[in-house]
Each structure stands twice: as structure tokens, then as C-alpha cells.
């Protein structure tokens, strides 16, 4: 599971570099994000621009990350494909997460696995 880590003005931006976020990578995804976000800090924006497929395990992993971060550190979603946007709407996750059309520009980009 590869991700890019960047910082926007007031948020940590995590870009998922996988085409699928499903049962095969859900646990790894949660572990990677937990390691990246372990120091308390700013809100997190999850950039899903490269994700083409998301199943219930992947969606559950995203919800798990939201719970891990807690209410004081919101998780926001960015760059959903039309299919993922529809999934978020059908599951009403669009009422749970703030969704951005695209992720903000970032600096200090690092890769993580």
C-alpha cells in the first residue's frame, strides 16, 4: 500500500497511490494511515484520485481511520471519481465526511508504504 504525504495550509494530505481500496489492502491501509497520523495534529484530507474501486472493507477502513483520528481531528475526503462519489452518496457517507472536489496543493511530499 503506497501513499504520498503532503501538507496543505492547515491539513495533512494523504494521497492513496493504489487503484483499489478493498479487502486485500484494507488492514494495511489502516496501519499505514495510523503510522502517518500517530502524532496528534492537524485535520487529515484523504485524496482518493487514483482509487477506481472501493468495496465495503475499504469503506470500513476509511471509517476506522476517522474513528482513530477522533472528533478533534476531522478526516475529509477529496478527488472522488464519479463511481466513488456515487458509492459515498448511496451509503450516505457523503453526510459523514466533508468531500472536496480536489485535494489542496501540498508541499513537503514524501512517500510511505
N, C-alpha and C. Protein backbone atom coordinates (compact mmCIF):
# COMPACT_ATOMS: atom_id res chain seq x y z
N UNK A 1 0.85 -1.17 0.00
CA UNK A 1 0.00 0.00 0.00
C UNK A 1 0.90 1.23 0.00
N UNK A 2 0.86 1.97 -1.08
CA UNK A 2 1.69 3.16 -1.20
C UNK A 2 0.83 4.41 -1.11
N UNK A 3 1.35 5.40 -0.40
CA UNK A 3 0.68 6.69 -0.28
C UNK A 3 1.72 7.80 -0.38
N UNK A 4 1.26 8.98 -0.74
CA UNK A 4 2.08 10.19 -0.68
C UNK A 4 1.57 11.03 0.47
N UNK A 5 2.49 11.67 1.17
CA UNK A 5 2.13 12.50 2.31
C UNK A 5 2.54 13.93 1.99
N UNK A 6 1.62 14.84 2.14
CA UNK A 6 1.92 16.24 1.91
C UNK A 6 1.23 17.10 2.94
N UNK A 7 1.60 18.36 2.97
CA UNK A 7 0.97 19.27 3.91
C UNK A 7 0.40 20.46 3.15
N UNK A 8 -0.86 20.73 3.37
CA UNK A 8 -1.51 21.92 2.84
C UNK A 8 -1.46 22.98 3.94
N UNK A 9 -2.12 24.10 3.73
CA UNK A 9 -2.09 25.18 4.72
C UNK A 9 -2.41 24.70 6.12
N UNK A 10 -3.52 23.98 6.25
CA UNK A 10 -3.96 23.60 7.59
C UNK A 10 -4.39 22.13 7.67
N UNK A 11 -3.81 21.28 6.83
CA UNK A 11 -4.19 19.87 6.84
C UNK A 11 -3.05 18.99 6.33
N UNK A 12 -3.05 17.78 6.84
CA UNK A 12 -2.17 16.73 6.32
C UNK A 12 -2.92 16.07 5.16
N UNK A 13 -2.29 15.95 4.00
CA UNK A 13 -2.94 15.34 2.84
C UNK A 13 -2.27 14.00 2.56
N UNK A 14 -3.09 12.94 2.55
CA UNK A 14 -2.60 11.60 2.26
C UNK A 14 -3.22 11.17 0.94
N UNK A 15 -2.38 10.96 -0.07
CA UNK A 15 -2.85 10.53 -1.39
C UNK A 15 -2.61 9.03 -1.53
N UNK A 16 -3.68 8.29 -1.75
CA UNK A 16 -3.59 6.84 -1.93
C UNK A 16 -3.13 6.58 -3.36
N UNK A 17 -2.04 5.82 -3.52
CA UNK A 17 -1.46 5.54 -4.83
C UNK A 17 -1.83 4.15 -5.33
N UNK A 18 -3.01 3.70 -5.01
CA UNK A 18 -3.49 2.38 -5.41
C UNK A 18 -4.79 2.56 -6.19
N UNK A 19 -5.06 1.64 -7.11
CA UNK A 19 -6.31 1.73 -7.87
C UNK A 19 -7.47 1.09 -7.13
N UNK A 20 -7.16 0.26 -6.13
CA UNK A 20 -8.21 -0.43 -5.37
C UNK A 20 -7.98 -0.25 -3.88
N UNK A 21 -9.07 0.01 -3.18
CA UNK A 21 -9.06 0.02 -1.72
C UNK A 21 -10.13 -0.98 -1.32
N UNK A 22 -9.70 -2.23 -1.15
CA UNK A 22 -10.64 -3.33 -0.92
C UNK A 22 -10.15 -4.22 0.21
N UNK A 23 -10.79 -5.37 0.38
CA UNK A 23 -10.47 -6.28 1.48
C UNK A 23 -9.00 -6.69 1.48
N UNK A 24 -8.39 -6.78 0.31
CA UNK A 24 -6.99 -7.21 0.22
C UNK A 24 -6.02 -6.21 0.85
N UNK A 25 -6.38 -4.93 0.89
CA UNK A 25 -5.45 -3.92 1.40
C UNK A 25 -6.02 -3.10 2.55
N UNK A 26 -7.25 -3.38 2.99
CA UNK A 26 -7.91 -2.56 4.00
C UNK A 26 -7.12 -2.47 5.31
N UNK A 27 -6.66 -3.60 5.81
CA UNK A 27 -5.91 -3.59 7.08
C UNK A 27 -4.57 -2.88 6.92
N UNK A 28 -3.90 -3.11 5.82
CA UNK A 28 -2.63 -2.43 5.56
C UNK A 28 -2.85 -0.93 5.45
N UNK A 29 -3.92 -0.53 4.77
CA UNK A 29 -4.27 0.89 4.64
C UNK A 29 -4.42 1.53 6.02
N UNK A 30 -5.18 0.88 6.90
CA UNK A 30 -5.38 1.43 8.25
C UNK A 30 -4.05 1.54 9.00
N UNK A 31 -3.20 0.54 8.89
CA UNK A 31 -1.90 0.57 9.57
C UNK A 31 -1.03 1.70 9.04
N UNK A 32 -0.99 1.85 7.72
CA UNK A 32 -0.17 2.92 7.11
C UNK A 32 -0.66 4.28 7.58
N UNK A 33 -1.96 4.50 7.52
CA UNK A 33 -2.50 5.80 7.93
C UNK A 33 -2.29 6.03 9.42
N UNK A 34 -2.44 4.99 10.23
CA UNK A 34 -2.21 5.13 11.67
C UNK A 34 -0.77 5.57 11.94
N UNK A 35 0.19 4.97 11.23
CA UNK A 35 1.60 5.34 11.41
C UNK A 35 1.87 6.78 10.98
N UNK A 36 1.24 7.20 9.90
CA UNK A 36 1.44 8.57 9.41
C UNK A 36 0.84 9.60 10.34
N UNK A 37 -0.32 9.28 10.89
CA UNK A 37 -1.07 10.26 11.68
C UNK A 37 -0.87 10.11 13.18
N UNK A 38 0.04 9.25 13.61
CA UNK A 38 0.19 9.00 15.04
C UNK A 38 0.50 10.24 15.86
N UNK A 39 1.35 11.15 15.41
CA UNK A 39 1.48 12.36 16.21
C UNK A 39 0.20 13.19 16.08
N UNK A 40 -0.32 13.63 17.21
CA UNK A 40 -1.53 14.46 17.17
C UNK A 40 -1.25 15.71 16.36
N UNK A 41 -2.25 16.22 15.74
CA UNK A 41 -2.03 17.41 14.94
C UNK A 41 -3.24 17.85 14.16
N UNK A 42 -2.98 18.24 12.95
CA UNK A 42 -3.98 18.88 12.11
C UNK A 42 -4.96 17.89 11.48
N UNK A 43 -6.06 18.41 10.93
CA UNK A 43 -7.00 17.55 10.21
C UNK A 43 -6.32 16.82 9.05
N UNK A 44 -6.96 15.76 8.59
CA UNK A 44 -6.40 14.93 7.53
C UNK A 44 -7.36 14.93 6.34
N UNK A 45 -6.79 15.12 5.14
CA UNK A 45 -7.56 15.01 3.90
C UNK A 45 -7.04 13.78 3.17
N UNK A 46 -7.95 12.85 2.89
CA UNK A 46 -7.61 11.63 2.17
C UNK A 46 -7.92 11.84 0.70
N UNK A 47 -6.88 11.88 -0.13
CA UNK A 47 -7.01 12.12 -1.57
C UNK A 47 -7.13 10.78 -2.27
N UNK A 48 -8.30 10.53 -2.86
CA UNK A 48 -8.58 9.25 -3.49
C UNK A 48 -8.60 9.34 -5.02
N UNK A 49 -7.86 10.28 -5.58
CA UNK A 49 -7.90 10.50 -7.03
C UNK A 49 -7.50 9.28 -7.85
N UNK A 50 -6.65 8.41 -7.32
CA UNK A 50 -6.20 7.24 -8.09
C UNK A 50 -7.00 5.98 -7.79
N UNK A 51 -7.89 6.06 -6.80
CA UNK A 51 -8.68 4.89 -6.43
C UNK A 51 -9.87 4.75 -7.38
N UNK A 52 -9.93 3.61 -8.06
CA UNK A 52 -11.00 3.34 -9.02
C UNK A 52 -12.07 2.42 -8.43
N UNK A 53 -11.68 1.62 -7.42
CA UNK A 53 -12.61 0.65 -6.83
C UNK A 53 -12.50 0.70 -5.33
N UNK A 54 -13.66 0.74 -4.68
CA UNK A 54 -13.73 0.77 -3.22
C UNK A 54 -14.85 -0.17 -2.81
N UNK A 55 -14.54 -1.19 -2.00
CA UNK A 55 -15.60 -2.09 -1.54
C UNK A 55 -15.93 -1.78 -0.08
N UNK A 56 -16.78 -2.61 0.51
CA UNK A 56 -17.22 -2.35 1.89
C UNK A 56 -16.06 -2.40 2.88
N UNK A 57 -15.08 -3.25 2.63
CA UNK A 57 -13.91 -3.32 3.52
C UNK A 57 -13.10 -2.03 3.43
N UNK A 58 -12.93 -1.51 2.22
CA UNK A 58 -12.22 -0.25 2.05
C UNK A 58 -12.96 0.90 2.69
N UNK A 59 -14.27 0.93 2.51
CA UNK A 59 -15.08 1.97 3.13
C UNK A 59 -15.02 1.85 4.65
N UNK A 60 -15.05 0.61 5.13
CA UNK A 60 -14.92 0.38 6.58
C UNK A 60 -13.57 0.85 7.10
N UNK A 61 -12.52 0.65 6.31
CA UNK A 61 -11.19 1.11 6.72
C UNK A 61 -11.13 2.63 6.80
N UNK A 62 -11.79 3.32 5.87
CA UNK A 62 -11.84 4.78 5.91
C UNK A 62 -12.58 5.24 7.16
N UNK A 63 -13.71 4.60 7.47
CA UNK A 63 -14.46 4.93 8.69
C UNK A 63 -13.60 4.63 9.92
N UNK A 64 -12.86 3.52 9.89
CA UNK A 64 -11.97 3.19 11.00
C UNK A 64 -10.91 4.25 11.22
N UNK A 65 -10.37 4.79 10.13
CA UNK A 65 -9.38 5.87 10.25
C UNK A 65 -10.02 7.11 10.87
N UNK A 66 -11.26 7.41 10.45
CA UNK A 66 -11.97 8.55 11.02
C UNK A 66 -12.12 8.38 12.54
N UNK A 67 -12.49 7.18 12.96
CA UNK A 67 -12.64 6.92 14.40
C UNK A 67 -11.29 6.99 15.12
N UNK A 68 -10.25 6.50 14.48
CA UNK A 68 -8.90 6.55 15.04
C UNK A 68 -8.46 8.00 15.29
N UNK A 69 -8.76 8.88 14.34
CA UNK A 69 -8.38 10.28 14.47
C UNK A 69 -9.17 10.99 15.55
N UNK A 70 -10.40 10.58 15.77
CA UNK A 70 -11.24 11.18 16.80
C UNK A 70 -11.93 12.45 16.33
N UNK A 71 -12.84 12.95 17.14
CA UNK A 71 -13.64 14.10 16.73
C UNK A 71 -12.86 15.41 16.65
N UNK A 72 -11.75 15.49 17.37
CA UNK A 72 -10.96 16.73 17.37
C UNK A 72 -10.07 16.85 16.14
N UNK A 73 -9.98 15.79 15.37
CA UNK A 73 -9.11 15.78 14.19
C UNK A 73 -9.89 15.20 13.00
N UNK A 74 -10.65 16.03 12.31
CA UNK A 74 -11.54 15.50 11.26
C UNK A 74 -10.80 14.88 10.08
N UNK A 75 -11.45 13.88 9.50
CA UNK A 75 -10.97 13.25 8.27
C UNK A 75 -11.88 13.73 7.15
N UNK A 76 -11.29 14.32 6.11
CA UNK A 76 -12.03 14.78 4.95
C UNK A 76 -11.58 13.99 3.74
N UNK A 77 -12.43 13.92 2.73
CA UNK A 77 -12.17 13.13 1.53
C UNK A 77 -12.07 14.07 0.33
N UNK A 78 -11.17 13.76 -0.60
CA UNK A 78 -11.00 14.60 -1.80
C UNK A 78 -10.86 13.74 -3.05
N UNK A 79 -11.23 14.33 -4.16
CA UNK A 79 -10.96 13.80 -5.51
C UNK A 79 -11.62 12.45 -5.77
N UNK A 80 -12.90 12.34 -5.48
CA UNK A 80 -13.61 11.08 -5.75
C UNK A 80 -13.95 10.97 -7.23
N UNK A 81 -13.76 9.78 -7.79
CA UNK A 81 -14.21 9.52 -9.15
C UNK A 81 -15.74 9.52 -9.14
N UNK A 82 -16.37 9.60 -10.30
CA UNK A 82 -17.83 9.54 -10.32
C UNK A 82 -18.39 8.26 -9.66
N UNK A 83 -17.75 7.13 -9.87
CA UNK A 83 -18.22 5.88 -9.26
C UNK A 83 -18.10 5.92 -7.73
N UNK A 84 -16.97 6.43 -7.23
CA UNK A 84 -16.81 6.52 -5.78
C UNK A 84 -17.73 7.58 -5.19
N UNK A 85 -17.95 8.67 -5.90
CA UNK A 85 -18.88 9.70 -5.42
C UNK A 85 -20.28 9.09 -5.28
N UNK A 86 -20.67 8.27 -6.26
CA UNK A 86 -21.97 7.61 -6.20
C UNK A 86 -22.05 6.67 -5.00
N UNK A 87 -20.98 5.90 -4.77
CA UNK A 87 -20.93 5.00 -3.63
C UNK A 87 -21.07 5.77 -2.31
N UNK A 88 -20.36 6.87 -2.18
CA UNK A 88 -20.45 7.68 -0.96
C UNK A 88 -21.87 8.22 -0.79
N UNK A 89 -22.51 8.59 -1.89
CA UNK A 89 -23.88 9.11 -1.82
C UNK A 89 -24.86 7.99 -1.44
N UNK A 90 -24.73 6.81 -2.08
CA UNK A 90 -25.64 5.70 -1.80
C UNK A 90 -25.53 5.19 -0.36
N UNK A 91 -24.33 5.21 0.19
CA UNK A 91 -24.11 4.74 1.56
C UNK A 91 -24.27 5.87 2.58
N UNK A 92 -24.59 7.05 2.08
CA UNK A 92 -24.77 8.26 2.89
C UNK A 92 -23.49 8.68 3.61
N UNK A 93 -22.37 8.18 3.15
CA UNK A 93 -21.09 8.62 3.70
C UNK A 93 -20.79 10.07 3.32
N UNK A 94 -21.50 10.58 2.31
CA UNK A 94 -21.33 11.99 1.95
C UNK A 94 -21.90 12.92 3.02
N UNK A 95 -22.70 12.36 3.95
CA UNK A 95 -23.19 13.15 5.08
C UNK A 95 -22.27 13.02 6.29
N UNK A 96 -21.38 12.04 6.26
CA UNK A 96 -20.44 11.80 7.37
C UNK A 96 -19.14 12.57 7.16
N UNK A 97 -18.66 12.57 5.91
CA UNK A 97 -17.39 13.20 5.57
C UNK A 97 -17.60 14.48 4.79
N UNK A 98 -16.74 15.46 5.04
CA UNK A 98 -16.69 16.61 4.15
C UNK A 98 -15.94 16.15 2.91
N UNK A 99 -16.52 16.39 1.73
CA UNK A 99 -15.93 15.92 0.48
C UNK A 99 -15.54 17.11 -0.39
N UNK A 100 -14.27 17.12 -0.81
CA UNK A 100 -13.74 18.17 -1.67
C UNK A 100 -13.65 17.65 -3.10
N UNK A 101 -13.90 18.52 -4.07
CA UNK A 101 -13.77 18.12 -5.47
C UNK A 101 -12.34 17.71 -5.79
N UNK A 102 -11.38 18.42 -5.22
CA UNK A 102 -9.97 18.04 -5.40
C UNK A 102 -9.18 18.39 -4.15
N UNK A 103 -8.06 17.73 -3.99
CA UNK A 103 -7.21 17.96 -2.83
C UNK A 103 -6.48 19.29 -2.98
N UNK A 104 -6.17 19.94 -1.88
CA UNK A 104 -5.41 21.18 -1.97
C UNK A 104 -3.97 20.91 -2.40
N UNK A 105 -3.33 21.93 -2.92
CA UNK A 105 -1.91 21.83 -3.27
C UNK A 105 -1.12 21.59 -1.99
N UNK A 106 -0.08 20.75 -2.10
CA UNK A 106 0.70 20.42 -0.92
C UNK A 106 2.17 20.72 -1.12
N UNK A 107 2.88 20.77 -0.02
CA UNK A 107 4.33 20.88 -0.02
C UNK A 107 4.90 19.75 0.82
N UNK A 108 6.20 19.57 0.76
CA UNK A 108 6.89 18.53 1.57
C UNK A 108 6.31 17.14 1.32
N UNK A 109 6.23 16.75 0.07
CA UNK A 109 5.66 15.45 -0.26
C UNK A 109 6.68 14.33 0.01
N UNK A 110 6.21 13.32 0.70
CA UNK A 110 7.00 12.13 1.00
C UNK A 110 6.19 10.90 0.63
N UNK A 111 6.84 9.83 0.31
CA UNK A 111 6.16 8.57 0.03
C UNK A 111 6.24 7.69 1.26
N UNK A 112 5.22 6.86 1.44
CA UNK A 112 5.21 5.92 2.56
C UNK A 112 4.57 4.63 2.09
N UNK A 113 4.95 3.54 2.77
CA UNK A 113 4.33 2.23 2.49
C UNK A 113 3.87 1.64 3.79
